[in-house]
Amino acid sequence: MSKKLTILIEDSVYEGLHQVVGRGSISKFIENLARPHVAHKDLGAQYREAARDAARERVPPRTLGADKG
């Protein structure tokens, strides 16, 4: 369920949102920015997500030409 919210922002921020994000995507953009700060996830899910990120960070990236003899 969605709720309508009216906010006041400076003109320059408003114009930047229109230029960068686009008129039809501003609500979703702001929601995605705010969600990590206000929506509470299951703590176990957060730990599992962090573990996947840590495992991915340990894998060294392939370099171009590394597989050639």
PDB file of N, CA and C in Angstrom:
ATOM      1  N   MET A   1       0.842  -1.171   0.000  1.00  0.00           N
ATOM      2  CA  MET A   1       0.000   0.000   0.000  1.00  0.00           C
ATOM      3  C   MET A   1       0.887   1.233   0.000  1.00  0.00           C
ATOM      4  N   SER A   2       0.546   2.197  -0.807  1.00  0.00           N
ATOM      5  CA  SER A   2       1.303   3.437  -0.904  1.00  0.00           C
ATOM      6  C   SER A   2       0.549   4.570  -0.227  1.00  0.00           C
ATOM      7  N   LYS A   3       1.302   5.534   0.264  1.00  0.00           N
ATOM      8  CA  LYS A   3       0.743   6.740   0.885  1.00  0.00           C
ATOM      9  C   LYS A   3       1.273   7.948   0.137  1.00  0.00           C
ATOM     10  N   LYS A   4       0.452   8.961   0.009  1.00  0.00           N
ATOM     11  CA  LYS A   4       0.875  10.202  -0.633  1.00  0.00           C
ATOM     12  C   LYS A   4       1.567  11.080   0.407  1.00  0.00           C
ATOM     13  N   LEU A   5       2.687  11.683   0.023  1.00  0.00           N
ATOM     14  CA  LEU A   5       3.470  12.520   0.907  1.00  0.00           C
ATOM     15  C   LEU A   5       3.833  13.806   0.169  1.00  0.00           C
ATOM     16  N   THR A   6       3.622  14.925   0.818  1.00  0.00           N
ATOM     17  CA  THR A   6       4.006  16.209   0.238  1.00  0.00           C
ATOM     18  C   THR A   6       5.215  16.720   1.014  1.00  0.00           C
ATOM     19  N   ILE A   7       6.285  17.058   0.274  1.00  0.00           N
ATOM     20  CA  ILE A   7       7.492  17.578   0.917  1.00  0.00           C
ATOM     21  C   ILE A   7       7.884  18.890   0.240  1.00  0.00           C
ATOM     22  N   LEU A   8       8.637  19.704   0.951  1.00  0.00           N
ATOM     23  CA  LEU A   8       9.169  20.944   0.403  1.00  0.00           C
ATOM     24  C   LEU A   8      10.673  20.787   0.232  1.00  0.00           C
ATOM     25  N   ILE A   9      11.157  21.091  -0.964  1.00  0.00           N
ATOM     26  CA  ILE A   9      12.597  21.031  -1.237  1.00  0.00           C
ATOM     27  C   ILE A   9      12.993  22.285  -2.011  1.00  0.00           C
ATOM     28  N   GLU A  10      14.274  22.607  -1.974  1.00  0.00           N
ATOM     29  CA  GLU A  10      14.776  23.770  -2.694  1.00  0.00           C
ATOM     30  C   GLU A  10      14.608  23.573  -4.193  1.00  0.00           C
ATOM     31  N   ASP A  11      14.488  24.674  -4.894  1.00  0.00           N
ATOM     32  CA  ASP A  11      14.305  24.634  -6.344  1.00  0.00           C
ATOM     33  C   ASP A  11      15.420  23.859  -7.047  1.00  0.00           C
ATOM     34  N   SER A  12      16.654  24.074  -6.601  1.00  0.00           N
ATOM     35  CA  SER A  12      17.784  23.412  -7.263  1.00  0.00           C
ATOM     36  C   SER A  12      17.719  21.892  -7.098  1.00  0.00           C
ATOM     37  N   VAL A  13      17.260  21.427  -5.936  1.00  0.00           N
ATOM     38  CA  VAL A  13      17.115  19.989  -5.705  1.00  0.00           C
ATOM     39  C   VAL A  13      16.003  19.436  -6.589  1.00  0.00           C
ATOM     40  N   TYR A  14      14.908  20.153  -6.672  1.00  0.00           N
ATOM     41  CA  TYR A  14      13.782  19.752  -7.507  1.00  0.00           C
ATOM     42  C   TYR A  14      14.210  19.619  -8.967  1.00  0.00           C
ATOM     43  N   GLU A  15      14.903  20.625  -9.468  1.00  0.00           N
ATOM     44  CA  GLU A  15      15.375  20.589 -10.861  1.00  0.00           C
ATOM     45  C   GLU A  15      16.359  19.450 -11.079  1.00  0.00           C
ATOM     46  N   GLY A  16      17.238  19.231 -10.110  1.00  0.00           N
ATOM     47  CA  GLY A  16      18.200  18.133 -10.221  1.00  0.00           C
ATOM     48  C   GLY A  16      17.514  16.782 -10.262  1.00  0.00           C
ATOM     49  N   LEU A  17      16.495  16.604  -9.437  1.00  0.00           N
ATOM     50  CA  LEU A  17      15.742  15.347  -9.466  1.00  0.00           C
ATOM     51  C   LEU A  17      15.106  15.118 -10.826  1.00  0.00           C
ATOM     52  N   HIS A  18      14.536  16.151 -11.398  1.00  0.00           N
ATOM     53  CA  HIS A  18      13.920  16.015 -12.719  1.00  0.00           C
ATOM     54  C   HIS A  18      14.952  15.685 -13.788  1.00  0.00           C
ATOM     55  N   GLN A  19      16.105  16.314 -13.710  1.00  0.00           N
ATOM     56  CA  GLN A  19      17.138  16.092 -14.729  1.00  0.00           C
ATOM     57  C   GLN A  19      17.794  14.725 -14.589  1.00  0.00           C
ATOM     58  N   VAL A  20      18.112  14.331 -13.369  1.00  0.00           N
ATOM     59  CA  VAL A  20      18.877  13.104 -13.142  1.00  0.00           C
ATOM     60  C   VAL A  20      17.989  11.871 -13.074  1.00  0.00           C
ATOM     61  N   VAL A  21      16.908  11.945 -12.323  1.00  0.00           N
ATOM     62  CA  VAL A  21      16.067  10.778 -12.067  1.00  0.00           C
ATOM     63  C   VAL A  21      14.923  10.687 -13.063  1.00  0.00           C
ATOM     64  N   GLY A  22      14.356  11.813 -13.426  1.00  0.00           N
ATOM     65  CA  GLY A  22      13.214  11.824 -14.331  1.00  0.00           C
ATOM     66  C   GLY A  22      11.914  11.978 -13.560  1.00  0.00           C
ATOM     67  N   ARG A  23      10.971  12.632 -14.164  1.00  0.00           N
ATOM     68  CA  ARG A  23       9.725  12.986 -13.489  1.00  0.00           C
ATOM     69  C   ARG A  23       8.987  11.777 -12.929  1.00  0.00           C
ATOM     70  N   GLY A  24       8.868  10.712 -13.671  1.00  0.00           N
ATOM     71  CA  GLY A  24       8.092   9.558 -13.229  1.00  0.00           C
ATOM     72  C   GLY A  24       8.786   8.663 -12.219  1.00  0.00           C
ATOM     73  N   SER A  25      10.039   8.935 -11.892  1.00  0.00           N
ATOM     74  CA  SER A  25      10.802   8.040 -11.023  1.00  0.00           C
ATOM     75  C   SER A  25      11.223   8.663  -9.698  1.00  0.00           C
ATOM     76  N   ILE A  26      10.847   9.889  -9.443  1.00  0.00           N
ATOM     77  CA  ILE A  26      11.299  10.599  -8.243  1.00  0.00           C
ATOM     78  C   ILE A  26      10.823   9.909  -6.969  1.00  0.00           C
ATOM     79  N   SER A  27       9.567   9.499  -6.917  1.00  0.00           N
ATOM     80  CA  SER A  27       9.040   8.854  -5.707  1.00  0.00           C
ATOM     81  C   SER A  27       9.821   7.587  -5.373  1.00  0.00           C
ATOM     82  N   LYS A  28      10.050   6.744  -6.375  1.00  0.00           N
ATOM     83  CA  LYS A  28      10.779   5.493  -6.149  1.00  0.00           C
ATOM     84  C   LYS A  28      12.222   5.779  -5.735  1.00  0.00           C
ATOM     85  N   PHE A  29      12.835   6.787  -6.341  1.00  0.00           N
ATOM     86  CA  PHE A  29      14.205   7.174  -6.005  1.00  0.00           C
ATOM     87  C   PHE A  29      14.302   7.576  -4.535  1.00  0.00           C
ATOM     88  N   ILE A  30      13.389   8.438  -4.091  1.00  0.00           N
ATOM     89  CA  ILE A  30      13.401   8.890  -2.696  1.00  0.00           C
ATOM     90  C   ILE A  30      13.092   7.733  -1.754  1.00  0.00           C
ATOM     91  N   GLU A  31      12.146   6.871  -2.151  1.00  0.00           N
ATOM     92  CA  GLU A  31      11.819   5.714  -1.319  1.00  0.00           C
ATOM     93  C   GLU A  31      13.030   4.797  -1.147  1.00  0.00           C
ATOM     94  N   ASN A  32      13.761   4.548  -2.231  1.00  0.00           N
ATOM     95  CA  ASN A  32      14.953   3.695  -2.148  1.00  0.00           C
ATOM     96  C   ASN A  32      16.048   4.312  -1.284  1.00  0.00           C
ATOM     97  N   LEU A  33      16.156   5.634  -1.283  1.00  0.00           N
ATOM     98  CA  LEU A  33      17.138   6.298  -0.422  1.00  0.00           C
ATOM     99  C   LEU A  33      16.738   6.209   1.047  1.00  0.00           C
ATOM    100  N   ALA A  34      15.457   6.369   1.318  1.00  0.00           N
ATOM    101  CA  ALA A  34      14.984   6.409   2.703  1.00  0.00           C
ATOM    102  C   ALA A  34      14.851   5.026   3.328  1.00  0.00           C
ATOM    103  N   ARG A  35      14.509   4.020   2.542  1.00  0.00           N
ATOM    104  CA  ARG A  35      14.197   2.689   3.071  1.00  0.00           C
ATOM    105  C   ARG A  35      15.255   2.122   4.025  1.00  0.00           C
ATOM    106  N   PRO A  36      16.545   2.155   3.701  1.00  0.00           N
ATOM    107  CA  PRO A  36      17.526   1.577   4.628  1.00  0.00           C
ATOM    108  C   PRO A  36      17.580   2.276   5.987  1.00  0.00           C
ATOM    109  N   HIS A  37      17.130   3.503   6.039  1.00  0.00           N
ATOM    110  CA  HIS A  37      17.195   4.271   7.274  1.00  0.00           C
ATOM    111  C   HIS A  37      15.952   4.137   8.146  1.00  0.00           C
ATOM    112  N   VAL A  38      14.852   3.710   7.540  1.00  0.00           N
ATOM    113  CA  VAL A  38      13.600   3.690   8.297  1.00  0.00           C
ATOM    114  C   VAL A  38      12.880   2.348   8.313  1.00  0.00           C
ATOM    115  N   ALA A  39      13.123   1.497   7.333  1.00  0.00           N
ATOM    116  CA  ALA A  39      12.450   0.197   7.283  1.00  0.00           C
ATOM    117  C   ALA A  39      13.342  -0.841   7.960  1.00  0.00           C
ATOM    118  N   HIS A  40      12.783  -1.584   8.884  1.00  0.00           N
ATOM    119  CA  HIS A  40      13.564  -2.555   9.644  1.00  0.00           C
ATOM    120  C   HIS A  40      13.432  -3.943   9.030  1.00  0.00           C
ATOM    121  N   LYS A  41      14.557  -4.535   8.728  1.00  0.00           N
ATOM    122  CA  LYS A  41      14.607  -5.888   8.204  1.00  0.00           C
ATOM    123  C   LYS A  41      14.831  -6.864   9.337  1.00  0.00           C
ATOM    124  N   ASP A  42      14.630  -8.099   9.010  1.00  0.00           N
ATOM    125  CA  ASP A  42      14.972  -9.183   9.917  1.00  0.00           C
ATOM    126  C   ASP A  42      16.487  -9.182  10.103  1.00  0.00           C
ATOM    127  N   LEU A  43      16.966  -9.198  11.340  1.00  0.00           N
ATOM    128  CA  LEU A  43      18.397  -9.135  11.617  1.00  0.00           C
ATOM    129  C   LEU A  43      19.130 -10.314  10.979  1.00  0.00           C
ATOM    130  N   GLY A  44      18.532 -11.493  11.009  1.00  0.00           N
ATOM    131  CA  GLY A  44      19.151 -12.661  10.378  1.00  0.00           C
ATOM    132  C   GLY A  44      19.342 -12.457   8.887  1.00  0.00           C
ATOM    133  N   ALA A  45      18.366 -11.859   8.229  1.00  0.00           N
ATOM    134  CA  ALA A  45      18.479 -11.586   6.798  1.00  0.00           C
ATOM    135  C   ALA A  45      19.598 -10.592   6.525  1.00  0.00           C
ATOM    136  N   GLN A  46      19.764  -9.613   7.404  1.00  0.00           N
ATOM    137  CA  GLN A  46      20.844  -8.650   7.237  1.00  0.00           C
ATOM    138  C   GLN A  46      22.208  -9.323   7.360  1.00  0.00           C
ATOM    139  N   TYR A  47      22.360 -10.237   8.320  1.00  0.00           N
ATOM    140  CA  TYR A  47      23.632 -10.947   8.476  1.00  0.00           C
ATOM    141  C   TYR A  47      23.918 -11.831   7.262  1.00  0.00           C
ATOM    142  N   ARG A  48      22.893 -12.516   6.741  1.00  0.00           N
ATOM    143  CA  ARG A  48      23.092 -13.353   5.560  1.00  0.00           C
ATOM    144  C   ARG A  48      23.502 -12.504   4.358  1.00  0.00           C
ATOM    145  N   GLU A  49      22.882 -11.356   4.202  1.00  0.00           N
ATOM    146  CA  GLU A  49      23.229 -10.456   3.106  1.00  0.00           C
ATOM    147  C   GLU A  49      24.659  -9.949   3.242  1.00  0.00           C
ATOM    148  N   ALA A  50      25.061  -9.595   4.447  1.00  0.00           N
ATOM    149  CA  ALA A  50      26.429  -9.129   4.681  1.00  0.00           C
ATOM    150  C   ALA A  50      27.437 -10.242   4.421  1.00  0.00           C
ATOM    151  N   ALA A  51      27.096 -11.482   4.784  1.00  0.00           N
ATOM    152  CA  ALA A  51      27.996 -12.611   4.549  1.00  0.00           C
ATOM    153  C   ALA A  51      28.185 -12.842   3.055  1.00  0.00           C
ATOM    154  N   ARG A  52      27.123 -12.727   2.268  1.00  0.00           N
ATOM    155  CA  ARG A  52      27.245 -12.886   0.817  1.00  0.00           C
ATOM    156  C   ARG A  52      28.136 -11.795   0.243  1.00  0.00           C
ATOM    157  N   ASP A  53      27.978 -10.563   0.722  1.00  0.00           N
ATOM    158  CA  ASP A  53      28.819  -9.466   0.245  1.00  0.00           C
ATOM    159  C   ASP A  53      30.276  -9.706   0.599  1.00  0.00           C
ATOM    160  N   ALA A  54      30.543 -10.170   1.813  1.00  0.00           N
ATOM    161  CA  ALA A  54      31.919 -10.425   2.247  1.00  0.00           C
ATOM    162  C   ALA A  54      32.546 -11.529   1.409  1.00  0.00           C
ATOM    163  N   ALA A  55      31.788 -12.586   1.126  1.00  0.00           N
ATOM    164  CA  ALA A  55      32.315 -13.690   0.312  1.00  0.00           C
ATOM    165  C   ALA A  55      32.622 -13.197  -1.097  1.00  0.00           C
ATOM    166  N   ARG A  56      31.781 -12.371  -1.642  1.00  0.00           N
ATOM    167  CA  ARG A  56      31.992 -11.846  -2.988  1.00  0.00           C
ATOM    168  C   ARG A  56      33.219 -10.943  -3.022  1.00  0.00           C
ATOM    169  N   GLU A  57      33.459 -10.196  -1.958  1.00  0.00           N
ATOM    170  CA  GLU A  57      34.609  -9.300  -1.914  1.00  0.00           C
ATOM    171  C   GLU A  57      35.923 -10.063  -1.815  1.00  0.00           C
ATOM    172  N   ARG A  58      35.912 -11.298  -1.270  1.00  0.00           N
ATOM    173  CA  ARG A  58      37.142 -12.082  -1.139  1.00  0.00           C
ATOM    174  C   ARG A  58      37.598 -12.679  -2.458  1.00  0.00           C
ATOM    175  N   VAL A  59      36.690 -12.838  -3.425  1.00  0.00           N
ATOM    176  CA  VAL A  59      37.045 -13.420  -4.713  1.00  0.00           C
ATOM    177  C   VAL A  59      37.775 -12.365  -5.529  1.00  0.00           C
ATOM    178  N   PRO A  60      39.047 -12.650  -5.909  1.00  0.00           N
ATOM    179  CA  PRO A  60      39.798 -11.646  -6.673  1.00  0.00           C
ATOM    180  C   PRO A  60      39.213 -11.501  -8.080  1.00  0.00           C
ATOM    181  N   PRO A  61      39.118 -10.279  -8.574  1.00  0.00           N
ATOM    182  CA  PRO A  61      38.579 -10.077  -9.928  1.00  0.00           C
ATOM    183  C   PRO A  61      39.541 -10.610 -10.976  1.00  0.00           C
ATOM    184  N   ARG A  62      38.999 -11.113 -12.087  1.00  0.00           N
ATOM    185  CA  ARG A  62      39.838 -11.573 -13.186  1.00  0.00           C
ATOM    186  C   ARG A  62      40.412 -10.359 -13.910  1.00  0.00           C
ATOM    187  N   THR A  63      41.648 -10.477 -14.298  1.00  0.00           N
ATOM    188  CA  THR A  63      42.266  -9.393 -15.060  1.00  0.00           C
ATOM    189  C   THR A  63      42.300  -9.791 -16.522  1.00  0.00           C
ATOM    190  N   LEU A  64      42.283  -8.825 -17.388  1.00  0.00           N
ATOM    191  CA  LEU A  64      42.329  -9.103 -18.817  1.00  0.00           C
ATOM    192  C   LEU A  64      43.622  -9.812 -19.180  1.00  0.00           C
ATOM    193  N   GLY A  65      43.513 -10.874 -19.920  1.00  0.00           N
ATOM    194  CA  GLY A  65      44.693 -11.592 -20.383  1.00  0.00           C
ATOM    195  C   GLY A  65      45.313 -12.500 -19.348  1.00  0.00           C
ATOM    196  N   ALA A  66      44.719 -12.644 -18.173  1.00  0.00           N
ATOM    197  CA  ALA A  66      45.308 -13.475 -17.126  1.00  0.00           C
ATOM    198  C   ALA A  66      45.270 -14.956 -17.468  1.00  0.00           C
ATOM    199  N   ASP A  67      44.308 -15.357 -18.336  1.00  0.00           N
ATOM    200  CA  ASP A  67      44.189 -16.770 -18.658  1.00  0.00           C
ATOM    201  C   ASP A  67      45.030 -17.164 -19.873  1.00  0.00           C
ATOM    202  N   LYS A  68      45.743 -16.237 -20.462  1.00  0.00           N
ATOM    203  CA  LYS A  68      46.602 -16.548 -21.619  1.00  0.00           C
ATOM    204  C   LYS A  68      47.992 -16.925 -21.151  1.00  0.00           C
ATOM    205  N   GLY A  69      48.585 -17.880 -21.815  1.00  0.00           N
ATOM    206  CA  GLY A  69      49.890 -18.382 -21.430  1.00  0.00           C
ATOM    207  C   GLY A  69      50.975 -17.590 -21.860  1.00  0.00           C
TER     208      GLY A  69
END
